[in-house]
Structure formats: C-alpha cells, structure tokens
C-alpha cells in the first residue's frame, strides 16, 4: 500500500492488479471478523472474552499481512486503498465501543469519543475526495496510529483473570500497579497519534482542495475544462 497522501484514482501503471487477490481477501476477512468480535464481547463471559482476544489478534495480523502482500506482489488496488483503512476502523471502533460499554469509566469514554470523531471524520473526507477523483491511502502517521490503537486494545483484552491467578499471587501489587501504568501510557499514546494523524490528513486534503481550485481557475481562464 502506498504511503503517498493523495493519488488520482486512474491507474497509470501498465499492470492493473485485479480486485480479487489475496491481499483484498485478507481485508475482507478482517471485515467479516468484526461482527464475530462484537458478538463475543457482547456475551461477556470469560471464555467469550478469551475468544474475542484471539479474534482481535487474528484480525490485527491480517492488517499487517494484507499490506505487505499488496506491496510485494504488486497487488495494490483502489479497492484495497479504501477497504483496508475502513476494515481497520471497523475493527478498532467496535473494540473501543464494546470496551467502553464494559469498563464504563468517563475517561475511557472520552478516549473512545476522540477516536470515533477522528476515524469517522477522516472516512467521510476520504469518500468526499474519491468523488472528486482522488484516493487518499493510509500514510505512516495513520499506520502508527492504528498500531497504537490495536496494541492498547490487545493489552486491555488480555485474559487478566488467568494472569491475576498466576501472577498477582506471586508479584502482588507491584504487577497490578505496573499493568495500570502501561494502560495509561497506551491510552495517552493513542490520543496523541489519533489526533496528530487526523491533522496530517486534514492538511493534505486542504492542499489538494487548494490545488484543485487553482487548476479549475486556470482551466477556466484559458478556456479549457479542468479535469
């Protein structure tokens, strides 16, 4: 997957990868796993939470694998550029919302709302740009944001009942305090990268809008239609 901020939708390369390829299949699998994850979290039993943890790990691995395969096998498609970040958002947002419902603490809801606003806002902006003829693929700010969010969710989803049973009895409050510290660090990191990556996308979109407007004015002045 390209990390260029904005690219025109028409493919200029001689080889046009088909939409039905292994990278896109992995992306679709990640989308299919989202309702499975939500159901397991909704059941909210110790076995279902363990199942949700496993499903989230598998879905997160497909995120890494589909991008790697797309680049190495030259399977980059416009469908993948759009579907990959949408699949990421569906997985991450469902996890944050389900965890917020279960944890039910104001600060976790605050982080969840920040993530929701950023992800939904950028998605709407992507779709708007597509209608203007441009695809905005994920860049490295967005990728690190996704990594931080998934790491935070995985940490919280860890089977803490089993960990408590085997580790807390031996290490006591030191382990508990350390785990809380890691949680706070990850949550702060999520907020920083979520906000920063959103600002980067907005700046790039503004640059594109300004460039498109200039081309339109120049095209009108010269008596030609802007593409």
Protein backbone atom coordinates (compact mmCIF):
# COMPACT_ATOMS: atom_id res chain seq x y z
CA UNK A 1 0.00 0.00 0.00
CA UNK A 2 1.38 3.39 -0.97
CA UNK A 3 2.08 5.97 1.70
CA UNK A 4 1.56 8.90 -0.68
CA UNK A 5 -1.02 11.30 0.79
CA UNK A 6 -3.14 11.74 -2.34
CA UNK A 7 -3.27 9.85 -5.60
CA UNK A 8 -5.55 10.04 -8.63
CA UNK A 9 -7.87 7.06 -9.00
CA UNK A 10 -6.94 6.12 -12.58
CA UNK A 11 -4.08 3.62 -12.54
CA UNK A 12 -1.10 4.76 -14.58
CA UNK A 13 0.87 1.55 -14.29
CA UNK A 14 0.75 -0.94 -17.15
CA UNK A 15 -0.21 -3.77 -14.83
CA UNK A 16 -3.63 -3.38 -13.22
CA UNK A 17 -3.99 -5.78 -10.30
CA UNK A 18 -7.42 -7.48 -10.13
CA UNK A 19 -9.60 -6.67 -7.13
CA UNK A 20 -9.92 -10.39 -6.38
CA UNK A 21 -6.48 -11.06 -4.91
CA UNK A 22 -5.05 -12.46 -1.67
CA UNK A 23 -4.43 -9.02 -0.13
CA UNK A 24 -8.02 -7.89 -0.65
CA UNK A 25 -9.33 -11.27 0.53
CA UNK A 26 -7.48 -10.78 3.83
CA UNK A 27 -9.00 -7.32 4.13
CA UNK A 28 -12.50 -8.75 3.60
CA UNK A 29 -11.79 -11.47 6.19
CA UNK A 30 -10.92 -8.73 8.67
CA UNK A 31 -14.26 -7.07 7.96
CA UNK A 32 -16.09 -10.38 8.45
CA UNK A 33 -14.35 -10.91 11.80
CA UNK A 34 -15.72 -7.61 13.15
CA UNK A 35 -19.28 -8.86 13.88
CA UNK A 36 -17.81 -12.06 15.34
CA UNK A 37 -15.70 -9.96 17.70
CA UNK A 38 -18.69 -7.79 18.67
CA UNK A 39 -20.82 -10.85 19.47
CA UNK A 40 -18.09 -12.40 21.63
CA UNK A 41 -17.67 -9.14 23.53
CA UNK A 42 -21.43 -8.79 23.97
CA UNK A 43 -21.73 -12.27 25.51
CA UNK A 44 -19.13 -11.10 28.06
CA UNK A 45 -18.12 -14.36 29.70
CA UNK A 46 -14.58 -15.46 30.47
CA UNK A 47 -14.48 -17.92 27.51
CA UNK A 48 -16.05 -15.36 25.13
CA UNK A 49 -13.58 -12.66 26.22
CA UNK A 50 -10.74 -15.07 25.50
CA UNK A 51 -12.34 -15.78 22.12
CA UNK A 52 -12.64 -12.05 21.42
CA UNK A 53 -8.96 -11.65 22.30
CA UNK A 54 -7.98 -14.38 19.81
CA UNK A 55 -10.25 -12.99 17.07
CA UNK A 56 -8.81 -9.50 17.53
CA UNK A 57 -5.24 -10.85 17.33
CA UNK A 58 -6.03 -12.72 14.10
CA UNK A 59 -7.75 -9.69 12.58
CA UNK A 60 -4.82 -7.46 13.56
CA UNK A 61 -2.37 -9.84 11.88
CA UNK A 62 -4.35 -9.68 8.63
CA UNK A 63 -3.90 -5.90 8.72
CA UNK A 64 -0.13 -6.31 8.63
CA UNK A 65 -0.20 -9.17 6.15
CA UNK A 66 -2.52 -7.70 3.52
CA UNK A 67 -0.47 -4.52 3.14
CA UNK A 68 2.80 -6.46 2.92
CA UNK A 69 1.43 -8.82 0.26
CA UNK A 70 -0.09 -5.96 -1.73
CA UNK A 71 3.26 -4.17 -1.94
CA UNK A 72 5.50 -7.20 -2.54
CA UNK A 73 3.22 -8.89 -5.09
CA UNK A 74 2.15 -5.66 -6.80
CA UNK A 75 -1.47 -6.19 -5.78
CA UNK A 76 -2.24 -2.58 -4.86
CA UNK A 77 -5.76 -1.63 -5.98
CA UNK A 78 -8.06 1.32 -5.36
CA UNK A 79 -10.42 -1.10 -3.62
CA UNK A 80 -7.64 -2.08 -1.24
CA UNK A 81 -6.67 1.55 -0.60
CA UNK A 82 -10.22 2.25 0.54
CA UNK A 83 -11.23 -1.08 2.09
CA UNK A 84 -8.07 -1.55 4.18
CA UNK A 85 -8.47 1.60 6.33
CA UNK A 86 -12.23 1.02 6.54
CA UNK A 87 -11.62 -2.51 7.85
CA UNK A 88 -9.12 -1.10 10.37
CA UNK A 89 -11.64 1.48 11.55
CA UNK A 90 -14.48 -1.05 11.84
CA UNK A 91 -12.32 -3.35 13.96
CA UNK A 92 -10.83 -0.65 16.19
CA UNK A 93 -14.04 1.33 16.68
CA UNK A 94 -16.07 -1.76 17.57
CA UNK A 95 -13.40 -2.73 20.10
CA UNK A 96 -13.25 0.71 21.73
CA UNK A 97 -17.04 0.99 21.94
CA UNK A 98 -17.50 -2.51 23.38
CA UNK A 99 -14.72 -1.93 25.92
CA UNK A 100 -16.17 1.46 26.86
CA UNK A 101 -19.56 -0.15 27.49
CA UNK A 102 -18.00 -2.81 29.70
CA UNK A 103 -15.46 -0.63 31.53
CA UNK A 104 -17.91 2.31 31.80
CA UNK A 105 -15.40 4.91 33.03
CA UNK A 106 -15.65 8.55 31.88
CA UNK A 107 -12.00 8.78 30.79
CA UNK A 108 -12.29 5.66 28.64
CA UNK A 109 -15.44 7.05 27.05
CA UNK A 110 -13.55 10.32 26.41
CA UNK A 111 -10.77 8.48 24.55
CA UNK A 112 -13.36 6.43 22.66
CA UNK A 113 -15.20 9.58 21.52
CA UNK A 114 -11.91 11.15 20.34
CA UNK A 115 -11.16 8.01 18.32
CA UNK A 116 -14.72 7.87 16.93
CA UNK A 117 -14.73 11.51 15.82
CA UNK A 118 -11.32 11.23 14.17
CA UNK A 119 -12.00 7.94 12.38
CA UNK A 120 -15.48 8.81 11.13
CA UNK A 121 -14.39 12.31 10.11
CA UNK A 122 -11.43 11.05 8.09
CA UNK A 123 -13.60 8.36 6.48
CA UNK A 124 -16.13 10.97 5.32
CA UNK A 125 -13.27 13.11 3.99
CA UNK A 126 -11.83 10.11 2.09
CA UNK A 127 -15.18 9.43 0.44
CA UNK A 128 -15.55 13.10 -0.50
CA UNK A 129 -12.11 13.07 -2.14
CA UNK A 130 -12.95 9.87 -4.02
CA UNK A 131 -15.95 11.64 -5.53
CA UNK A 132 -13.54 14.37 -6.63
CA UNK A 133 -11.42 11.71 -8.36
CA UNK A 134 -8.70 11.14 -5.76
CA UNK A 135 -7.92 8.30 -3.37
CA UNK A 136 -6.18 9.12 -0.09
CA UNK A 137 -4.39 5.94 1.04
CA UNK A 138 -3.15 5.39 4.57
CA UNK A 139 0.17 7.08 5.37
CA UNK A 140 2.68 6.21 8.08
CA UNK A 141 1.08 8.52 10.63
CA UNK A 142 -2.14 6.60 10.14
CA UNK A 143 -0.36 3.27 10.34
CA UNK A 144 1.36 4.10 13.63
CA UNK A 145 -1.95 5.38 14.95
CA UNK A 146 -3.55 2.05 14.08
CA UNK A 147 -0.67 0.12 15.68
CA UNK A 148 -1.02 2.11 18.92
CA UNK A 149 -4.79 1.59 19.00
CA UNK A 150 -4.51 -2.15 18.37
CA UNK A 151 -1.73 -2.53 20.95
CA UNK A 152 -3.86 -0.72 23.52
CA UNK A 153 -6.90 -2.88 22.78
CA UNK A 154 -4.88 -6.11 22.87
CA UNK A 155 -3.39 -5.11 26.22
CA UNK A 156 -6.83 -4.45 27.72
CA UNK A 157 -8.27 -7.63 26.17
CA UNK A 158 -5.56 -9.83 27.69
CA UNK A 159 -7.08 -12.68 29.76
CA UNK A 160 -6.48 -10.84 33.02
CA UNK A 161 -8.41 -13.38 35.10
CA UNK A 162 -5.83 -16.03 34.29
CA UNK A 163 -2.98 -13.54 34.62
CA UNK A 164 -4.30 -12.45 38.01
CA UNK A 165 -4.48 -16.04 39.16
CA UNK A 166 -0.95 -16.96 38.12
CA UNK A 167 0.93 -13.68 38.59
CA UNK A 168 -0.79 -11.41 41.11
CA UNK A 169 -0.46 -14.01 43.86
CA UNK A 170 3.30 -14.11 43.29
CA UNK A 171 4.09 -10.47 42.49
CA UNK A 172 1.23 -8.76 44.32
CA UNK A 173 0.54 -5.06 43.94
CA UNK A 174 3.75 -4.34 42.00
CA UNK A 175 2.43 -6.20 38.97
CA UNK A 176 -1.02 -4.62 39.31
CA UNK A 177 0.44 -1.10 39.52
CA UNK A 178 2.70 -1.79 36.55
CA UNK A 179 -0.19 -3.04 34.40
CA UNK A 180 -2.23 0.07 35.21
CA UNK A 181 0.76 2.25 34.29
CA UNK A 182 1.09 0.51 30.91
CA UNK A 183 -2.63 1.01 30.27
CA UNK A 184 -2.40 4.75 30.98
CA UNK A 185 0.70 5.10 28.77
CA UNK A 186 -1.01 3.30 25.87
CA UNK A 187 -4.17 5.39 26.20
CA UNK A 188 -2.18 8.65 26.13
CA UNK A 189 -0.21 7.41 23.11
CA UNK A 190 -3.47 6.53 21.33
CA UNK A 191 -4.86 10.03 21.88
CA UNK A 192 -1.67 11.75 20.64
CA UNK A 193 -1.29 9.65 17.48
CA UNK A 194 -5.03 9.69 16.75
CA UNK A 195 -5.17 13.50 16.85
CA UNK A 196 -1.85 14.04 15.03
CA UNK A 197 -2.64 11.61 12.21
CA UNK A 198 -6.03 13.24 11.75
CA UNK A 199 -4.43 16.67 11.45
CA UNK A 200 -1.95 15.37 8.85
CA UNK A 201 -4.81 14.05 6.70
CA UNK A 202 -6.76 17.30 7.03
CA UNK A 203 -3.72 19.36 5.97
CA UNK A 204 -3.15 17.13 2.93
CA UNK A 205 -6.84 17.36 1.99
CA UNK A 206 -6.70 21.17 2.23
CA UNK A 207 -3.60 21.20 0.00
CA UNK A 208 -5.41 19.05 -2.55
CA UNK A 209 -8.53 21.23 -2.44
CA UNK A 210 -6.41 24.34 -2.95
CA UNK A 211 -4.56 22.76 -5.86
CA UNK A 212 -7.78 21.56 -7.46
CA UNK A 213 -9.31 25.01 -7.12
CA UNK A 214 -6.25 26.62 -8.75
CA UNK A 215 -6.39 24.18 -11.66
CA UNK A 216 -10.09 24.90 -12.10
CA UNK A 217 -9.49 28.66 -12.20
CA UNK A 218 -6.57 28.30 -14.62
CA UNK A 219 -8.57 25.98 -16.84
CA UNK A 220 -11.50 28.40 -16.95
CA UNK A 221 -9.23 31.35 -17.70
CA UNK A 222 -7.59 29.52 -20.61
CA UNK A 223 -10.94 28.38 -21.98
CA UNK A 224 -10.33 24.71 -21.18
CA UNK A 225 -12.22 22.43 -18.87
CA UNK A 226 -10.31 21.36 -15.74
CA UNK A 227 -10.03 17.60 -15.41
